[in-house]
């Protein structure tokens, strides 16, 4: 049951992150400020990986070690 909840969280996280990246690229494709915004998106994506995926991975590793 716990893995199902984590699975929904992972899928939701990926959908939100992808929607933000696609939305920003569509809005900014004809503007001249794409390189500046690209840096902000990359920093946001890295922060997303650290603060969302980091705890998920540590939780999964902890559960895996408890099963053994």
N, C-alpha and C. Protein backbone atom coordinates (compact mmCIF):
# COMPACT_ATOMS: atom_id res chain seq x y z
N UNK A 1 0.82 -1.20 0.00
CA UNK A 1 0.00 0.00 0.00
C UNK A 1 0.86 1.26 0.00
N UNK A 2 1.97 1.23 0.75
CA UNK A 2 2.84 2.39 0.82
C UNK A 2 3.46 2.69 -0.54
N UNK A 3 3.84 1.63 -1.28
CA UNK A 3 4.44 1.84 -2.59
C UNK A 3 3.47 2.47 -3.57
N UNK A 4 2.18 2.18 -3.43
CA UNK A 4 1.18 2.78 -4.31
C UNK A 4 1.10 4.29 -4.06
N UNK A 5 1.11 4.70 -2.80
CA UNK A 5 1.07 6.12 -2.48
C UNK A 5 2.32 6.83 -2.99
N UNK A 6 3.48 6.19 -2.84
CA UNK A 6 4.71 6.78 -3.35
C UNK A 6 4.66 6.85 -4.88
N UNK A 7 4.09 5.86 -5.51
CA UNK A 7 3.96 5.87 -6.97
C UNK A 7 3.12 7.02 -7.47
N UNK A 8 2.00 7.28 -6.80
CA UNK A 8 1.17 8.43 -7.17
C UNK A 8 1.94 9.73 -6.99
N UNK A 9 2.70 9.83 -5.93
CA UNK A 9 3.48 11.03 -5.66
C UNK A 9 4.54 11.24 -6.75
N UNK A 10 5.20 10.17 -7.15
CA UNK A 10 6.22 10.27 -8.18
C UNK A 10 5.60 10.67 -9.52
N UNK A 11 4.49 10.06 -9.88
CA UNK A 11 3.83 10.39 -11.14
C UNK A 11 3.33 11.84 -11.13
N UNK A 12 2.72 12.25 -10.04
CA UNK A 12 2.25 13.63 -9.92
C UNK A 12 3.39 14.63 -10.00
N UNK A 13 4.48 14.31 -9.36
CA UNK A 13 5.66 15.18 -9.39
C UNK A 13 6.20 15.32 -10.81
N UNK A 14 6.27 14.22 -11.52
CA UNK A 14 6.78 14.26 -12.90
C UNK A 14 5.85 15.04 -13.81
N UNK A 15 4.55 14.89 -13.63
CA UNK A 15 3.58 15.62 -14.46
C UNK A 15 3.69 17.12 -14.21
N UNK A 16 3.78 17.52 -12.95
CA UNK A 16 3.88 18.94 -12.63
C UNK A 16 5.17 19.53 -13.18
N UNK A 17 6.28 18.85 -12.97
CA UNK A 17 7.57 19.35 -13.45
C UNK A 17 7.57 19.45 -14.98
N UNK A 18 7.07 18.44 -15.65
CA UNK A 18 7.02 18.46 -17.12
C UNK A 18 6.10 19.55 -17.65
N UNK A 19 4.96 19.75 -17.00
CA UNK A 19 4.03 20.79 -17.44
C UNK A 19 4.65 22.17 -17.29
N UNK A 20 5.38 22.39 -16.22
CA UNK A 20 6.03 23.69 -16.04
C UNK A 20 7.08 23.92 -17.11
N UNK A 21 7.90 22.92 -17.39
CA UNK A 21 8.94 23.08 -18.40
C UNK A 21 8.35 23.29 -19.79
N UNK A 22 7.33 22.52 -20.15
CA UNK A 22 6.70 22.68 -21.46
C UNK A 22 5.99 24.02 -21.56
N UNK A 23 5.27 24.40 -20.52
CA UNK A 23 4.57 25.69 -20.53
C UNK A 23 5.50 26.86 -20.68
N UNK A 24 6.60 26.85 -19.96
CA UNK A 24 7.57 27.95 -20.08
C UNK A 24 8.21 27.98 -21.45
N UNK A 25 8.52 26.83 -22.01
CA UNK A 25 9.15 26.83 -23.33
C UNK A 25 8.19 27.31 -24.41
N UNK A 26 6.91 26.99 -24.30
CA UNK A 26 5.93 27.44 -25.29
C UNK A 26 5.76 28.96 -25.21
N UNK A 27 5.69 29.48 -24.00
CA UNK A 27 5.50 30.92 -23.83
C UNK A 27 6.73 31.71 -24.28
N UNK A 28 7.90 31.17 -24.04
CA UNK A 28 9.12 31.92 -24.28
C UNK A 28 9.81 31.64 -25.60
N UNK A 29 9.25 30.79 -26.44
CA UNK A 29 9.98 30.39 -27.65
C UNK A 29 10.23 31.55 -28.61
N UNK A 30 9.35 32.53 -28.68
CA UNK A 30 9.54 33.65 -29.59
C UNK A 30 10.10 34.90 -28.92
N UNK A 31 10.35 34.84 -27.64
CA UNK A 31 10.89 36.02 -26.94
C UNK A 31 12.41 35.95 -26.93
N UNK A 32 13.02 37.04 -26.60
CA UNK A 32 14.47 37.08 -26.55
C UNK A 32 15.05 36.74 -25.18
N UNK A 33 14.20 36.44 -24.24
CA UNK A 33 14.70 36.20 -22.88
C UNK A 33 14.78 34.72 -22.52
N UNK A 34 14.76 33.86 -23.49
CA UNK A 34 14.78 32.42 -23.22
C UNK A 34 16.06 31.97 -22.50
N UNK A 35 17.26 32.48 -22.88
CA UNK A 35 18.46 32.02 -22.16
C UNK A 35 18.44 32.37 -20.66
N UNK A 36 17.91 33.55 -20.32
CA UNK A 36 17.86 33.93 -18.91
C UNK A 36 16.88 33.04 -18.14
N UNK A 37 15.73 32.79 -18.74
CA UNK A 37 14.72 31.96 -18.08
C UNK A 37 15.18 30.51 -18.00
N UNK A 38 15.96 30.08 -18.98
CA UNK A 38 16.45 28.71 -18.98
C UNK A 38 17.28 28.43 -17.73
N UNK A 39 18.09 29.40 -17.32
CA UNK A 39 18.89 29.22 -16.10
C UNK A 39 17.99 29.04 -14.88
N UNK A 40 16.93 29.81 -14.79
CA UNK A 40 16.00 29.71 -13.67
C UNK A 40 15.31 28.34 -13.68
N UNK A 41 14.92 27.87 -14.86
CA UNK A 41 14.27 26.56 -14.96
C UNK A 41 15.21 25.43 -14.55
N UNK A 42 16.45 25.53 -14.96
CA UNK A 42 17.43 24.50 -14.60
C UNK A 42 17.64 24.47 -13.09
N UNK A 43 17.78 25.64 -12.48
CA UNK A 43 17.95 25.71 -11.03
C UNK A 43 16.71 25.15 -10.32
N UNK A 44 15.53 25.48 -10.82
CA UNK A 44 14.30 24.95 -10.25
C UNK A 44 14.20 23.45 -10.37
N UNK A 45 14.63 22.92 -11.51
CA UNK A 45 14.60 21.48 -11.72
C UNK A 45 15.56 20.76 -10.78
N UNK A 46 16.76 21.33 -10.60
CA UNK A 46 17.73 20.73 -9.69
C UNK A 46 17.21 20.78 -8.25
N UNK A 47 16.60 21.89 -7.86
CA UNK A 47 16.01 21.99 -6.53
C UNK A 47 14.90 20.97 -6.36
N UNK A 48 14.12 20.77 -7.41
CA UNK A 48 13.05 19.78 -7.39
C UNK A 48 13.62 18.38 -7.15
N UNK A 49 14.70 18.07 -7.84
CA UNK A 49 15.33 16.77 -7.65
C UNK A 49 15.82 16.59 -6.22
N UNK A 50 16.45 17.62 -5.68
CA UNK A 50 17.01 17.51 -4.34
C UNK A 50 15.95 17.42 -3.26
N UNK A 51 14.95 18.29 -3.32
CA UNK A 51 14.00 18.40 -2.23
C UNK A 51 12.79 17.48 -2.35
N UNK A 52 12.50 16.99 -3.55
CA UNK A 52 11.37 16.06 -3.71
C UNK A 52 11.87 14.63 -3.86
N UNK A 53 12.79 14.41 -4.78
CA UNK A 53 13.24 13.06 -5.04
C UNK A 53 14.21 12.56 -3.99
N UNK A 54 14.99 13.43 -3.38
CA UNK A 54 15.93 13.01 -2.33
C UNK A 54 15.23 12.30 -1.18
N UNK A 55 14.19 12.91 -0.58
CA UNK A 55 13.48 12.23 0.51
C UNK A 55 12.78 10.94 0.05
N UNK A 56 12.28 10.92 -1.18
CA UNK A 56 11.62 9.70 -1.68
C UNK A 56 12.64 8.56 -1.77
N UNK A 57 13.80 8.85 -2.32
CA UNK A 57 14.82 7.82 -2.46
C UNK A 57 15.29 7.32 -1.10
N UNK A 58 15.50 8.25 -0.16
CA UNK A 58 15.94 7.81 1.17
C UNK A 58 14.87 6.97 1.86
N UNK A 59 13.61 7.32 1.66
CA UNK A 59 12.52 6.54 2.25
C UNK A 59 12.46 5.14 1.63
N UNK A 60 12.61 5.06 0.33
CA UNK A 60 12.59 3.76 -0.33
C UNK A 60 13.76 2.89 0.11
N UNK A 61 14.94 3.49 0.26
CA UNK A 61 16.10 2.72 0.73
C UNK A 61 15.87 2.23 2.16
N UNK A 62 15.27 3.08 2.99
CA UNK A 62 15.00 2.69 4.37
C UNK A 62 14.00 1.53 4.41
N UNK A 63 12.96 1.60 3.61
CA UNK A 63 11.97 0.52 3.57
C UNK A 63 12.59 -0.76 3.04
N UNK A 64 13.47 -0.63 2.05
CA UNK A 64 14.12 -1.82 1.48
C UNK A 64 15.02 -2.49 2.51
N UNK A 65 15.74 -1.68 3.30
CA UNK A 65 16.62 -2.26 4.32
C UNK A 65 15.82 -2.89 5.46
N UNK A 66 14.62 -2.36 5.73
CA UNK A 66 13.77 -2.94 6.78
C UNK A 66 13.20 -4.28 6.34
N UNK A 67 12.97 -4.45 5.04
CA UNK A 67 12.41 -5.70 4.53
C UNK A 67 13.44 -6.83 4.65
N UNK A 68 14.71 -6.51 4.42
CA UNK A 68 15.76 -7.53 4.49
C UNK A 68 15.92 -7.93 5.92
